Amino acid sequence: MESSPDAYAEEAHLLVDQVLNNTVRKLSEEFERQHELDAKKLDLEERQNTLEALEQIREDYDVQDITWLTIEEFNIEKGEQKIDEFLKTWEYQGAWLACTDFLKEEDHEFDKRYRYRVRWSIPTRRKPIPRATAGVYFTFVVSKIKPKTYPVDVYYVFETNRLVHRPGESRFREKWLKDIIENKVIMMQAVDF
């Protein structure tokens, strides 16, 4: 059976169209894939730049600390003095006042724990007695088994927070105190006495 030259030409055109369509589809897919890779690369570069900027900020800021007492030097009054000295390393604005109180001594098998509370407030001329205070709770852990020349362990937590801080390892944020006070004021406004 003989085929006409028109049938061959039409078959050739269909094959060429099919090859062109496949090529256009593959190029389009490759272009989209390349565009996605470029977008991911750009996003990754932006993230890397952000991380480098944050690292630079962190490197530019030294977390302040003091020399803490040794186990041999520790007593309740000196612990209170060291807390007051440590609080002076914190950066904050305004007229914050702090009051440090010794709360209690706890005797454990391998150490003694001394608990202190620092109450922060912002008294003003109009309201010399603040409506709310923010508490920071310090714990001195004085080991019974470590050598007497070792420093005491010091930890502190902010009222309403669970994160345990160690001096010299985290940067103080004034916002933490403000948030505690604002939350207390909001709660007091919501409760009718």
N, C-alpha and C. Protein backbone atom coordinates (compact mmCIF):
# COMPACT_ATOMS: atom_id res chain seq x y z
N MET A 1 0.83 -1.16 0.00
CA MET A 1 0.00 0.00 0.00
C MET A 1 0.88 1.23 0.00
N GLU A 2 0.54 2.10 -0.91
CA GLU A 2 1.33 3.31 -1.07
C GLU A 2 0.70 4.47 -0.31
N SER A 3 1.61 5.27 0.28
CA SER A 3 1.12 6.45 1.00
C SER A 3 1.38 7.67 0.16
N SER A 4 0.53 8.61 0.31
CA SER A 4 0.69 9.84 -0.45
C SER A 4 1.72 10.72 0.20
N PRO A 5 2.41 11.57 -0.60
CA PRO A 5 3.40 12.47 -0.02
C PRO A 5 2.78 13.42 0.99
N ASP A 6 1.52 13.74 0.86
CA ASP A 6 0.87 14.63 1.83
C ASP A 6 0.75 13.97 3.20
N ALA A 7 0.52 12.67 3.22
CA ALA A 7 0.41 11.96 4.50
C ALA A 7 1.75 11.97 5.22
N TYR A 8 2.84 11.78 4.44
CA TYR A 8 4.17 11.82 5.06
C TYR A 8 4.48 13.22 5.59
N ALA A 9 4.12 14.21 4.86
CA ALA A 9 4.38 15.59 5.29
C ALA A 9 3.59 15.91 6.55
N GLU A 10 2.33 15.44 6.56
CA GLU A 10 1.50 15.71 7.74
C GLU A 10 2.04 14.97 8.96
N GLU A 11 2.47 13.71 8.76
CA GLU A 11 3.06 12.93 9.85
C GLU A 11 4.34 13.61 10.35
N ALA A 12 5.16 14.13 9.43
CA ALA A 12 6.39 14.83 9.80
C ALA A 12 6.07 16.08 10.59
N HIS A 13 5.05 16.83 10.17
CA HIS A 13 4.65 18.04 10.91
C HIS A 13 4.18 17.70 12.32
N LEU A 14 3.42 16.63 12.45
CA LEU A 14 2.95 16.20 13.78
C LEU A 14 4.13 15.83 14.68
N LEU A 15 5.08 15.09 14.12
CA LEU A 15 6.26 14.71 14.90
C LEU A 15 7.07 15.94 15.31
N VAL A 16 7.25 16.86 14.40
CA VAL A 16 8.00 18.08 14.71
C VAL A 16 7.25 18.90 15.77
N ASP A 17 5.93 19.02 15.62
CA ASP A 17 5.14 19.76 16.62
C ASP A 17 5.24 19.09 17.99
N GLN A 18 5.19 17.76 18.00
CA GLN A 18 5.27 17.02 19.27
C GLN A 18 6.64 17.24 19.92
N VAL A 19 7.70 17.19 19.13
CA VAL A 19 9.05 17.42 19.66
C VAL A 19 9.17 18.85 20.18
N LEU A 20 8.64 19.81 19.43
CA LEU A 20 8.70 21.21 19.88
C LEU A 20 7.90 21.42 21.17
N ASN A 21 6.71 20.83 21.23
CA ASN A 21 5.88 20.96 22.45
C ASN A 21 6.59 20.34 23.65
N ASN A 22 7.19 19.16 23.47
CA ASN A 22 7.92 18.52 24.56
C ASN A 22 9.11 19.37 24.99
N THR A 23 9.80 19.94 24.01
CA THR A 23 10.96 20.78 24.31
C THR A 23 10.53 22.03 25.08
N VAL A 24 9.45 22.67 24.62
CA VAL A 24 8.95 23.86 25.31
C VAL A 24 8.52 23.50 26.73
N ARG A 25 7.83 22.37 26.91
CA ARG A 25 7.38 21.95 28.24
C ARG A 25 8.58 21.69 29.14
N LYS A 26 9.59 20.98 28.64
CA LYS A 26 10.77 20.67 29.43
C LYS A 26 11.55 21.94 29.77
N LEU A 27 11.68 22.85 28.82
CA LEU A 27 12.36 24.12 29.09
C LEU A 27 11.60 24.94 30.13
N SER A 28 10.27 24.92 30.02
CA SER A 28 9.43 25.65 30.98
C SER A 28 9.59 25.06 32.38
N GLU A 29 9.57 23.72 32.47
CA GLU A 29 9.76 23.07 33.76
C GLU A 29 11.15 23.38 34.32
N GLU A 30 12.16 23.32 33.46
CA GLU A 30 13.52 23.61 33.90
C GLU A 30 13.65 25.07 34.35
N PHE A 31 13.00 25.98 33.61
CA PHE A 31 13.01 27.39 33.99
C PHE A 31 12.36 27.58 35.36
N GLU A 32 11.20 26.93 35.59
CA GLU A 32 10.53 27.04 36.89
C GLU A 32 11.38 26.45 38.00
N ARG A 33 12.01 25.30 37.74
CA ARG A 33 12.87 24.67 38.74
C ARG A 33 14.06 25.58 39.06
N GLN A 34 14.64 26.16 38.02
CA GLN A 34 15.77 27.07 38.22
C GLN A 34 15.33 28.32 38.98
N HIS A 35 14.13 28.82 38.66
CA HIS A 35 13.59 30.00 39.36
C HIS A 35 13.38 29.68 40.85
N GLU A 36 12.84 28.48 41.14
CA GLU A 36 12.65 28.07 42.53
C GLU A 36 13.99 27.95 43.25
N LEU A 37 14.98 27.37 42.57
CA LEU A 37 16.31 27.25 43.17
C LEU A 37 16.93 28.62 43.45
N ASP A 38 16.76 29.53 42.50
CA ASP A 38 17.27 30.88 42.70
C ASP A 38 16.58 31.56 43.88
N ALA A 39 15.26 31.37 43.97
CA ALA A 39 14.50 31.97 45.09
C ALA A 39 14.97 31.38 46.41
N LYS A 40 15.17 30.05 46.45
CA LYS A 40 15.64 29.40 47.67
C LYS A 40 17.05 29.87 48.02
N LYS A 41 17.89 30.02 46.98
CA LYS A 41 19.25 30.49 47.21
C LYS A 41 19.24 31.91 47.76
N LEU A 42 18.38 32.77 47.19
CA LEU A 42 18.27 34.14 47.67
C LEU A 42 17.75 34.16 49.10
N ASP A 43 16.74 33.32 49.41
CA ASP A 43 16.20 33.23 50.76
C ASP A 43 17.28 32.74 51.72
N LEU A 44 18.04 31.76 51.29
CA LEU A 44 19.11 31.24 52.13
C LEU A 44 20.18 32.30 52.37
N GLU A 45 20.51 33.08 51.33
CA GLU A 45 21.48 34.16 51.50
C GLU A 45 20.96 35.23 52.45
N GLU A 46 19.67 35.57 52.35
CA GLU A 46 19.07 36.55 53.26
C GLU A 46 19.11 36.04 54.69
N ARG A 47 18.79 34.77 54.88
CA ARG A 47 18.84 34.19 56.23
C ARG A 47 20.26 34.21 56.76
N GLN A 48 21.21 33.86 55.91
CA GLN A 48 22.61 33.86 56.33
C GLN A 48 23.05 35.26 56.72
N ASN A 49 22.65 36.26 55.94
CA ASN A 49 22.99 37.65 56.27
C ASN A 49 22.37 38.06 57.60
N THR A 50 21.12 37.65 57.82
CA THR A 50 20.45 37.97 59.08
C THR A 50 21.17 37.31 60.25
N LEU A 51 21.52 36.03 60.09
CA LEU A 51 22.25 35.34 61.15
C LEU A 51 23.60 35.99 61.43
N GLU A 52 24.28 36.40 60.38
CA GLU A 52 25.57 37.07 60.57
C GLU A 52 25.39 38.41 61.29
N ALA A 53 24.32 39.13 60.94
CA ALA A 53 24.06 40.41 61.61
C ALA A 53 23.73 40.19 63.09
N LEU A 54 22.91 39.17 63.37
CA LEU A 54 22.58 38.86 64.76
C LEU A 54 23.82 38.42 65.54
N GLU A 55 24.64 37.64 64.90
CA GLU A 55 25.88 37.19 65.54
C GLU A 55 26.78 38.39 65.84
N GLN A 56 26.83 39.33 64.92
CA GLN A 56 27.63 40.54 65.12
C GLN A 56 27.10 41.34 66.30
N ILE A 57 25.77 41.46 66.38
CA ILE A 57 25.17 42.18 67.50
C ILE A 57 25.52 41.48 68.81
N ARG A 58 25.40 40.14 68.80
CA ARG A 58 25.69 39.38 70.00
C ARG A 58 27.16 39.51 70.39
N GLU A 59 28.04 39.51 69.39
CA GLU A 59 29.46 39.67 69.68
C GLU A 59 29.77 41.07 70.19
N ASP A 60 29.03 42.06 69.71
CA ASP A 60 29.27 43.44 70.13
C ASP A 60 28.83 43.68 71.57
N TYR A 61 27.97 42.81 72.09
CA TYR A 61 27.45 43.02 73.44
C TYR A 61 28.03 41.97 74.37
N ASP A 62 28.71 42.43 75.40
CA ASP A 62 29.22 41.52 76.42
C ASP A 62 28.21 41.46 77.55
N VAL A 63 27.84 40.25 77.93
CA VAL A 63 26.95 40.08 79.07
C VAL A 63 27.78 40.36 80.32
N GLN A 64 27.32 41.30 81.10
CA GLN A 64 28.04 41.73 82.29
C GLN A 64 27.90 40.71 83.41
N ASP A 65 28.94 40.57 84.19
CA ASP A 65 28.91 39.69 85.36
C ASP A 65 29.82 40.28 86.42
N ILE A 66 29.77 39.71 87.59
CA ILE A 66 30.64 40.15 88.69
C ILE A 66 31.37 38.92 89.22
N THR A 67 32.29 39.16 90.13
CA THR A 67 32.96 38.04 90.80
C THR A 67 32.09 37.65 91.99
N TRP A 68 31.62 36.42 91.97
CA TRP A 68 30.74 35.95 93.04
C TRP A 68 31.54 35.41 94.21
N LEU A 69 30.88 35.23 95.31
CA LEU A 69 31.52 34.77 96.54
C LEU A 69 31.94 33.30 96.44
N THR A 70 32.98 32.95 97.19
CA THR A 70 33.34 31.55 97.31
C THR A 70 32.47 30.93 98.40
N ILE A 71 32.51 29.62 98.49
CA ILE A 71 31.72 28.93 99.50
C ILE A 71 32.15 29.39 100.90
N GLU A 72 33.44 29.57 101.08
CA GLU A 72 33.98 29.99 102.37
C GLU A 72 33.54 31.41 102.74
N GLU A 73 33.46 32.31 101.75
CA GLU A 73 33.14 33.71 102.01
C GLU A 73 31.64 33.95 102.22
N PHE A 74 30.81 33.03 101.77
CA PHE A 74 29.38 33.31 101.72
C PHE A 74 28.75 33.43 103.10
N ASN A 75 27.90 34.46 103.23
CA ASN A 75 26.94 34.56 104.33
C ASN A 75 25.73 35.34 103.78
N ILE A 76 24.66 35.41 104.54
CA ILE A 76 23.41 36.00 104.04
C ILE A 76 23.58 37.46 103.65
N GLU A 77 24.27 38.24 104.47
CA GLU A 77 24.44 39.67 104.17
C GLU A 77 25.29 39.88 102.92
N LYS A 78 26.38 39.10 102.80
CA LYS A 78 27.23 39.24 101.62
C LYS A 78 26.49 38.80 100.36
N GLY A 79 25.63 37.82 100.49
CA GLY A 79 24.83 37.39 99.35
C GLY A 79 23.94 38.52 98.86
N GLU A 80 23.32 39.22 99.80
CA GLU A 80 22.47 40.37 99.46
C GLU A 80 23.29 41.48 98.80
N GLN A 81 24.48 41.74 99.31
CA GLN A 81 25.35 42.76 98.72
C GLN A 81 25.76 42.38 97.30
N LYS A 82 26.04 41.11 97.07
CA LYS A 82 26.43 40.66 95.73
C LYS A 82 25.28 40.78 94.75
N ILE A 83 24.07 40.51 95.20
CA ILE A 83 22.90 40.69 94.33
C ILE A 83 22.79 42.16 93.93
N ASP A 84 22.91 43.05 94.91
CA ASP A 84 22.83 44.49 94.61
C ASP A 84 23.94 44.91 93.65
N GLU A 85 25.14 44.37 93.82
CA GLU A 85 26.25 44.67 92.92
C GLU A 85 25.94 44.15 91.51
N PHE A 86 25.37 42.95 91.43
CA PHE A 86 25.04 42.35 90.13
C PHE A 86 23.95 43.16 89.42
N LEU A 87 22.97 43.64 90.16
CA LEU A 87 21.88 44.42 89.56
C LEU A 87 22.39 45.71 88.92
N LYS A 88 23.49 46.23 89.43
CA LYS A 88 24.06 47.45 88.84
C LYS A 88 24.62 47.21 87.45
N THR A 89 24.85 45.94 87.08
CA THR A 89 25.35 45.64 85.72
C THR A 89 24.21 45.60 84.71
N TRP A 90 22.97 45.57 85.18
CA TRP A 90 21.82 45.53 84.27
C TRP A 90 21.58 46.91 83.68
N GLU A 91 21.23 46.94 82.42
CA GLU A 91 20.94 48.20 81.74
C GLU A 91 19.43 48.40 81.68
N TYR A 92 18.98 49.51 82.25
CA TYR A 92 17.56 49.83 82.22
C TYR A 92 17.39 51.34 82.25
N GLN A 93 16.24 51.78 81.75
CA GLN A 93 15.94 53.20 81.67
C GLN A 93 15.00 53.59 82.81
N GLY A 94 14.92 54.87 83.05
CA GLY A 94 13.90 55.36 83.97
C GLY A 94 14.29 55.27 85.43
N ALA A 95 13.27 55.36 86.24
CA ALA A 95 13.45 55.48 87.68
C ALA A 95 13.11 54.18 88.41
N TRP A 96 13.59 53.07 87.92
CA TRP A 96 13.34 51.79 88.59
C TRP A 96 14.01 51.79 89.96
N LEU A 97 13.30 51.26 90.93
CA LEU A 97 13.87 51.05 92.26
C LEU A 97 13.78 49.57 92.58
N ALA A 98 14.80 49.07 93.28
CA ALA A 98 14.82 47.65 93.64
C ALA A 98 15.05 47.51 95.13
N CYS A 99 14.41 46.51 95.70
CA CYS A 99 14.55 46.21 97.12
C CYS A 99 14.86 44.72 97.24
N THR A 100 15.97 44.38 97.88
CA THR A 100 16.39 42.98 98.01
C THR A 100 16.07 42.49 99.42
N ASP A 101 15.40 41.33 99.49
CA ASP A 101 15.03 40.73 100.77
C ASP A 101 15.50 39.28 100.81
N PHE A 102 16.03 38.88 101.96
CA PHE A 102 16.34 37.47 102.18
C PHE A 102 15.05 36.76 102.53
N LEU A 103 14.77 35.63 101.88
CA LEU A 103 13.52 34.91 102.13
C LEU A 103 13.70 33.73 103.08
N LYS A 104 14.61 32.80 102.71
CA LYS A 104 14.78 31.63 103.57
C LYS A 104 16.05 30.86 103.21
N GLU A 105 16.39 29.96 104.11
CA GLU A 105 17.52 29.05 103.93
C GLU A 105 16.96 27.64 103.91
N GLU A 106 17.38 26.86 102.92
CA GLU A 106 16.92 25.47 102.81
C GLU A 106 18.12 24.55 102.93
N ASP A 107 18.02 23.56 103.80
CA ASP A 107 19.12 22.63 104.00
C ASP A 107 18.83 21.34 103.22
N HIS A 108 19.74 20.99 102.32
CA HIS A 108 19.62 19.77 101.53
C HIS A 108 20.79 18.86 101.87
N GLU A 109 20.76 17.65 101.33
CA GLU A 109 21.79 16.67 101.67
C GLU A 109 23.19 17.15 101.29
N PHE A 110 23.34 17.69 100.09
CA PHE A 110 24.67 18.06 99.61
C PHE A 110 24.92 19.56 99.50
N ASP A 111 23.92 20.36 99.82
CA ASP A 111 24.09 21.81 99.74
C ASP A 111 23.08 22.53 100.60
N LYS A 112 23.30 23.82 100.73
CA LYS A 112 22.32 24.71 101.36
C LYS A 112 21.92 25.72 100.31
N ARG A 113 20.65 26.06 100.29
CA ARG A 113 20.15 27.02 99.30
C ARG A 113 19.59 28.23 100.03
N TYR A 114 20.06 29.38 99.57
CA TYR A 114 19.64 30.64 100.17
C TYR A 114 18.81 31.39 99.12
N ARG A 115 17.60 31.73 99.50
CA ARG A 115 16.66 32.36 98.56
C ARG A 115 16.47 33.84 98.90
N TYR A 116 16.51 34.65 97.83
CA TYR A 116 16.33 36.10 97.96
C TYR A 116 15.28 36.54 96.95
N ARG A 117 14.61 37.63 97.27
CA ARG A 117 13.67 38.24 96.33
C ARG A 117 14.06 39.69 96.13
N VAL A 118 14.10 40.09 94.84
CA VAL A 118 14.33 41.49 94.51
C VAL A 118 13.03 42.00 93.91
N ARG A 119 12.45 42.99 94.57
CA ARG A 119 11.20 43.59 94.06
C ARG A 119 11.54 44.88 93.33
N TRP A 120 11.05 44.96 92.10
CA TRP A 120 11.27 46.13 91.26
C TRP A 120 9.98 46.91 91.12
N SER A 121 10.10 48.22 91.12
CA SER A 121 8.93 49.07 90.91
C SER A 121 9.38 50.41 90.32
N ILE A 122 8.37 51.14 89.83
CA ILE A 122 8.64 52.49 89.30
C ILE A 122 7.73 53.47 90.04
N PRO A 123 8.17 53.97 91.19
CA PRO A 123 7.35 54.97 91.87
C PRO A 123 7.42 56.30 91.11
N THR A 124 6.33 57.03 91.14
CA THR A 124 6.31 58.33 90.49
C THR A 124 5.86 59.38 91.50
N ARG A 125 5.92 60.63 91.11
CA ARG A 125 5.50 61.71 92.00
C ARG A 125 4.00 61.58 92.29
N ARG A 126 3.23 61.21 91.27
CA ARG A 126 1.78 61.08 91.46
C ARG A 126 1.41 59.81 92.21
N LYS A 127 2.19 58.75 91.99
CA LYS A 127 1.91 57.48 92.66
C LYS A 127 3.20 56.98 93.31
N PRO A 128 3.51 57.52 94.49
CA PRO A 128 4.75 57.10 95.16
C PRO A 128 4.71 55.64 95.61
N ILE A 129 3.50 55.13 95.83
CA ILE A 129 3.35 53.71 96.15
C ILE A 129 2.89 53.02 94.87
N PRO A 130 3.74 52.20 94.27
CA PRO A 130 3.40 51.59 92.97
C PRO A 130 2.21 50.65 93.08
N ARG A 131 1.46 50.56 92.00
CA ARG A 131 0.30 49.66 91.96
C ARG A 131 0.72 48.21 91.89
N ALA A 132 1.90 47.93 91.32
CA ALA A 132 2.38 46.56 91.19
C ALA A 132 3.91 46.55 91.22
N THR A 133 4.46 45.41 91.57
CA THR A 133 5.90 45.24 91.57
C THR A 133 6.23 44.00 90.74
N ALA A 134 7.48 43.91 90.31
CA ALA A 134 7.96 42.73 89.58
C ALA A 134 9.03 42.07 90.45
N GLY A 135 8.93 40.77 90.61
CA GLY A 135 9.88 40.05 91.44
C GLY A 135 10.89 39.25 90.64
N VAL A 136 12.13 39.29 91.12
CA VAL A 136 13.18 38.44 90.58
C VAL A 136 13.70 37.63 91.75
N TYR A 137 13.72 36.32 91.60
CA TYR A 137 14.08 35.43 92.70
C TYR A 137 15.46 34.82 92.46
N PHE A 138 16.37 35.10 93.40
CA PHE A 138 17.75 34.61 93.32
C PHE A 138 17.92 33.43 94.27
N THR A 139 18.71 32.47 93.84
CA THR A 139 19.05 31.33 94.68
C THR A 139 20.57 31.15 94.67
N PHE A 140 21.15 31.12 95.86
CA PHE A 140 22.56 30.81 96.02
C PHE A 140 22.64 29.36 96.49
N VAL A 141 23.38 28.53 95.77
CA VAL A 141 23.55 27.14 96.15
C VAL A 141 24.96 27.00 96.71
N VAL A 142 25.05 26.75 98.02
CA VAL A 142 26.34 26.63 98.70
C VAL A 142 26.57 25.15 98.97
N SER A 143 27.52 24.59 98.23
CA SER A 143 27.79 23.15 98.30
C SER A 143 28.43 22.77 99.63
N LYS A 144 28.07 21.59 100.12
CA LYS A 144 28.68 21.04 101.33
C LYS A 144 29.84 20.12 100.98
N ILE A 145 29.96 19.75 99.69
CA ILE A 145 30.97 18.76 99.31
C ILE A 145 32.09 19.32 98.43
N LYS A 146 31.86 20.46 97.80
CA LYS A 146 32.90 21.07 96.96
C LYS A 146 33.94 21.73 97.87
N PRO A 147 35.16 21.93 97.35
CA PRO A 147 36.16 22.66 98.14
C PRO A 147 35.68 24.07 98.47
N LYS A 148 36.10 24.58 99.59
CA LYS A 148 35.64 25.89 100.09
C LYS A 148 36.07 27.04 99.19
N THR A 149 37.05 26.82 98.30
CA THR A 149 37.52 27.89 97.42
C THR A 149 36.68 28.00 96.15
N TYR A 150 35.74 27.09 95.93
CA TYR A 150 34.89 27.14 94.74
C TYR A 150 33.83 28.22 94.93
N PRO A 151 33.40 28.86 93.83
CA PRO A 151 32.34 29.87 93.96
C PRO A 151 30.98 29.21 94.20
N VAL A 152 30.11 29.95 94.83
CA VAL A 152 28.74 29.46 95.01
C VAL A 152 28.04 29.51 93.65
N ASP A 153 27.06 28.65 93.46
CA ASP A 153 26.26 28.67 92.24
C ASP A 153 25.12 29.65 92.44
N VAL A 154 24.86 30.48 91.44
CA VAL A 154 23.82 31.49 91.54
C VAL A 154 22.87 31.33 90.35
N TYR A 155 21.58 31.32 90.66
CA TYR A 155 20.53 31.23 89.65
C TYR A 155 19.48 32.29 89.95
N TYR A 156 18.78 32.73 88.92
CA TYR A 156 17.66 33.64 89.17
C TYR A 156 16.57 33.43 88.13
N VAL A 157 15.33 33.69 88.57
CA VAL A 157 14.17 33.59 87.69
C VAL A 157 13.31 34.83 87.88
N PHE A 158 12.63 35.20 86.81
CA PHE A 158 11.70 36.32 86.88
C PHE A 158 10.32 35.79 87.21
N GLU A 159 9.65 36.51 88.06
CA GLU A 159 8.29 36.15 88.45
C GLU A 159 7.44 35.87 87.20
N THR A 160 6.66 34.84 87.24
CA THR A 160 5.76 34.38 86.17
C THR A 160 6.50 33.71 85.02
N ASN A 161 7.82 33.56 85.11
CA ASN A 161 8.58 32.89 84.05
C ASN A 161 9.23 31.63 84.59
N ARG A 162 9.46 30.69 83.70
CA ARG A 162 10.09 29.44 84.10
C ARG A 162 11.56 29.37 83.74
N LEU A 163 12.01 30.25 82.87
CA LEU A 163 13.39 30.21 82.42
C LEU A 163 14.34 30.55 83.56
N VAL A 164 15.30 29.67 83.80
CA VAL A 164 16.28 29.88 84.86
C VAL A 164 17.51 30.53 84.23
N HIS A 165 17.91 31.67 84.77
CA HIS A 165 19.06 32.42 84.27
C HIS A 165 20.26 32.17 85.18
N ARG A 166 21.44 32.27 84.58
CA ARG A 166 22.68 32.24 85.35
C ARG A 166 23.41 33.55 85.07
N PRO A 167 23.96 34.17 86.07
CA PRO A 167 24.69 35.43 85.85
C PRO A 167 25.81 35.24 84.82
N GLY A 168 25.92 36.22 83.92
CA GLY A 168 26.96 36.18 82.92
C GLY A 168 26.61 35.39 81.68
N GLU A 169 25.43 34.76 81.65
CA GLU A 169 25.06 33.93 80.51
C GLU A 169 23.87 34.47 79.73
N SER A 170 23.08 35.34 80.33
CA SER A 170 21.95 35.90 79.59
C SER A 170 21.89 37.41 79.82
N ARG A 171 21.41 38.08 78.81
CA ARG A 171 21.35 39.54 78.84
C ARG A 171 20.01 39.98 79.43
N PHE A 172 20.08 40.87 80.40
CA PHE A 172 18.86 41.39 81.03
C PHE A 172 18.07 42.24 80.05
N ARG A 173 16.75 42.08 80.08
CA ARG A 173 15.85 42.88 79.26
C ARG A 173 14.87 43.59 80.19
N GLU A 174 14.87 44.90 80.12
CA GLU A 174 13.95 45.69 80.94
C GLU A 174 12.49 45.32 80.65
N LYS A 175 12.23 44.90 79.42
CA LYS A 175 10.89 44.52 79.00
C LYS A 175 10.31 43.42 79.89
N TRP A 176 11.16 42.54 80.39
CA TRP A 176 10.67 41.46 81.25
C TRP A 176 10.01 42.03 82.50
N LEU A 177 10.61 43.04 83.10
CA LEU A 177 10.02 43.65 84.30
C LEU A 177 8.73 44.39 83.94
N LYS A 178 8.78 45.13 82.84
CA LYS A 178 7.59 45.88 82.42
C LYS A 178 6.42 44.95 82.13
N ASP A 179 6.68 43.83 81.48
CA ASP A 179 5.61 42.87 81.17
C ASP A 179 4.96 42.32 82.44
N ILE A 180 5.77 42.01 83.43
CA ILE A 180 5.24 41.49 84.69
C ILE A 180 4.31 42.52 85.33
N ILE A 181 4.77 43.76 85.41
CA ILE A 181 3.97 44.81 86.04
C ILE A 181 2.69 45.08 85.23
N GLU A 182 2.82 45.18 83.90
CA GLU A 182 1.64 45.42 83.06
C GLU A 182 0.61 44.31 83.21
N ASN A 183 1.06 43.06 83.26
CA ASN A 183 0.13 41.94 83.43
C ASN A 183 -0.59 42.00 84.78
N LYS A 184 0.13 42.38 85.82
CA LYS A 184 -0.50 42.51 87.14
C LYS A 184 -1.55 43.63 87.14
N VAL A 185 -1.22 44.76 86.53
CA VAL A 185 -2.16 45.88 86.48
C VAL A 185 -3.40 45.49 85.69
N ILE A 186 -3.23 44.81 84.57
CA ILE A 186 -4.38 44.36 83.77
C ILE A 186 -5.25 43.41 84.58
N MET A 187 -4.61 42.49 85.30
CA MET A 187 -5.37 41.54 86.10
C MET A 187 -6.14 42.25 87.22
N MET A 188 -5.49 43.21 87.87
CA MET A 188 -6.17 43.94 88.94
C MET A 188 -7.36 44.74 88.43
N GLN A 189 -7.24 45.26 87.21
CA GLN A 189 -8.36 46.01 86.62
C GLN A 189 -9.52 45.08 86.29
N ALA A 190 -9.20 43.83 85.98
CA ALA A 190 -10.25 42.88 85.61
C ALA A 190 -10.99 42.33 86.83
N VAL A 191 -10.38 42.40 88.00
CA VAL A 191 -10.99 41.84 89.21
C VAL A 191 -11.68 42.97 89.97
N ASP A 192 -12.93 42.73 90.31
CA ASP A 192 -13.69 43.72 91.11
C ASP A 192 -13.57 43.34 92.57
N PHE A 193 -13.18 44.32 93.39
CA PHE A 193 -13.07 44.09 94.82
C PHE A 193 -14.27 44.64 95.54
